[in-house]
């Protein structure tokens, strides 16, 4: 019977959990405050990992935070080596998670369209009542 989750999935989840703690506890740079690790995607050989990040409420800070975290990736990788029992700790590559930014924009466009439709419906109802 196959396992419910693959080894890669389990390692990605563990990397995400540990990186969140390391960034919060060991990095003091204010440019990485409020950074959230949204997901981790390891390569099949587990030598490289793309770490997707988001900054709570400040989408314009994502590229700068990714740059700072890429600069600190050696320190974070060392911290992972102390916490995890893996033969190879993957090289970390931090990337801004633009899916959240795009989802927020789509949600905002939908809300504006709904407000516009409600306004148009009220205007139509007002015109219908004045004609009667």
Protein backbone atom coordinates (compact mmCIF):
# COMPACT_ATOMS: atom_id res chain seq x y z
CA UNK A 1 0.00 0.00 0.00
CA UNK A 2 1.52 3.39 -1.01
CA UNK A 3 2.26 6.02 1.60
CA UNK A 4 -0.27 8.80 1.97
CA UNK A 5 2.41 11.46 1.44
CA UNK A 6 5.63 11.13 -0.50
CA UNK A 7 8.97 11.67 1.18
CA UNK A 8 9.42 14.88 -0.79
CA UNK A 9 6.10 16.24 0.49
CA UNK A 10 6.97 15.40 4.08
CA UNK A 11 10.38 17.04 3.78
CA UNK A 12 8.85 20.15 2.16
CA UNK A 13 6.42 20.50 5.06
CA UNK A 14 9.19 20.00 7.60
CA UNK A 15 11.43 22.53 5.83
CA UNK A 16 8.60 25.06 5.79
CA UNK A 17 7.96 24.61 9.51
CA UNK A 18 11.63 24.84 10.50
CA UNK A 19 12.39 27.80 8.22
CA UNK A 20 9.48 29.73 9.68
CA UNK A 21 10.95 29.27 13.15
CA UNK A 22 14.50 30.07 12.08
CA UNK A 23 13.49 33.27 10.29
CA UNK A 24 11.40 34.39 13.25
CA UNK A 25 13.91 33.47 15.98
CA UNK A 26 17.38 33.87 14.50
CA UNK A 27 17.22 36.71 11.96
CA UNK A 28 17.12 40.20 13.44
CA UNK A 29 17.02 42.18 10.19
CA UNK A 30 13.87 44.37 10.23
CA UNK A 31 13.44 43.78 6.48
CA UNK A 32 12.40 40.20 7.20
CA UNK A 33 9.91 40.99 9.94
CA UNK A 34 6.42 39.66 9.22
CA UNK A 35 7.76 37.24 6.58
CA UNK A 36 5.70 34.11 6.11
CA UNK A 37 6.97 30.97 4.39
CA UNK A 38 3.98 29.98 2.27
CA UNK A 39 5.40 26.82 0.70
CA UNK A 40 8.60 24.95 -0.11
CA UNK A 41 9.26 23.04 -3.32
CA UNK A 42 12.32 20.76 -3.26
CA UNK A 43 13.95 19.35 -6.35
CA UNK A 44 13.60 15.57 -6.86
CA UNK A 45 17.19 14.97 -5.69
CA UNK A 46 16.63 17.17 -2.59
CA UNK A 47 19.69 19.31 -3.39
CA UNK A 48 17.78 22.55 -4.03
CA UNK A 49 14.62 24.02 -2.58
CA UNK A 50 12.56 26.99 -3.72
CA UNK A 51 11.12 28.72 -0.68
CA UNK A 52 8.10 30.89 -1.43
CA UNK A 53 7.58 33.83 0.93
CA UNK A 54 5.03 36.52 1.57
CA UNK A 55 5.12 39.63 3.75
CA UNK A 56 1.98 40.18 5.78
CA UNK A 57 0.11 43.19 4.38
CA UNK A 58 3.05 44.69 2.50
CA UNK A 59 3.36 43.17 -0.96
CA UNK A 60 5.90 45.79 -2.10
CA UNK A 61 8.40 44.47 0.49
CA UNK A 62 8.45 40.93 -0.93
CA UNK A 63 11.37 41.39 -3.40
CA UNK A 64 13.54 43.08 -0.77
CA UNK A 65 12.75 40.41 1.83
CA UNK A 66 13.59 37.66 -0.70
CA UNK A 67 16.93 39.34 -1.43
CA UNK A 68 17.79 39.55 2.30
CA UNK A 69 16.78 35.92 2.87
CA UNK A 70 18.83 34.73 -0.13
CA UNK A 71 21.80 36.55 1.40
CA UNK A 72 21.16 34.78 4.75
CA UNK A 73 20.48 31.38 3.15
CA UNK A 74 23.80 29.93 4.34
CA UNK A 75 22.98 30.76 7.95
CA UNK A 76 19.47 29.35 7.57
CA UNK A 77 20.82 26.21 5.92
CA UNK A 78 23.24 25.73 8.82
CA UNK A 79 20.32 26.11 11.25
CA UNK A 80 18.35 23.51 9.31
CA UNK A 81 21.32 21.15 9.51
CA UNK A 82 21.25 21.38 13.31
CA UNK A 83 17.49 20.78 13.49
CA UNK A 84 16.89 18.14 10.82
CA UNK A 85 18.23 14.63 10.39
CA UNK A 86 18.83 14.75 6.64
CA UNK A 87 21.84 13.54 4.73
CA UNK A 88 21.81 16.64 2.51
CA UNK A 89 20.33 19.98 3.47
CA UNK A 90 19.05 21.59 0.26
CA UNK A 91 20.39 24.88 -1.04
CA UNK A 92 17.71 27.49 -0.35
CA UNK A 93 16.40 29.86 -3.02
CA UNK A 94 13.88 32.40 -1.70
CA UNK A 95 11.21 33.64 -4.10
CA UNK A 96 8.28 35.99 -3.58
CA UNK A 97 4.95 34.15 -3.65
CA UNK A 98 3.02 36.19 -6.19
CA UNK A 99 0.00 33.86 -6.08
CA UNK A 100 -1.20 35.60 -2.92
CA UNK A 101 -0.71 39.03 -4.50
CA UNK A 102 -2.62 37.98 -7.60
CA UNK A 103 -5.39 36.39 -5.54
CA UNK A 104 -5.78 39.62 -3.57
CA UNK A 105 -6.02 41.63 -6.81
CA UNK A 106 -8.61 39.26 -8.30
CA UNK A 107 -10.62 39.38 -5.07
CA UNK A 108 -10.52 43.19 -5.11
CA UNK A 109 -11.68 43.30 -8.75
CA UNK A 110 -14.56 40.94 -7.92
CA UNK A 111 -15.63 43.09 -4.94
CA UNK A 112 -15.55 46.22 -7.11
CA UNK A 113 -17.62 44.50 -9.81
CA UNK A 114 -20.21 43.41 -7.22
CA UNK A 115 -20.43 46.97 -5.82
CA UNK A 116 -20.80 48.34 -9.33
CA UNK A 117 -23.55 45.82 -10.15
CA UNK A 118 -25.38 46.66 -6.91
CA UNK A 119 -25.13 50.37 -7.71
CA UNK A 120 -26.44 49.79 -11.24
CA UNK A 121 -29.33 47.68 -9.89
CA UNK A 122 -30.29 50.45 -7.42
CA UNK A 123 -30.15 53.05 -10.19
CA UNK A 124 -32.35 50.87 -12.40
CA UNK A 125 -34.81 50.28 -9.57
CA UNK A 126 -34.95 54.03 -8.91
CA UNK A 127 -35.62 54.77 -12.59
CA UNK A 128 -38.34 52.10 -12.72
CA UNK A 129 -40.09 53.55 -9.66
CA UNK A 130 -39.96 57.13 -11.01
CA UNK A 131 -41.54 56.07 -14.31
CA UNK A 132 -44.46 54.32 -12.60
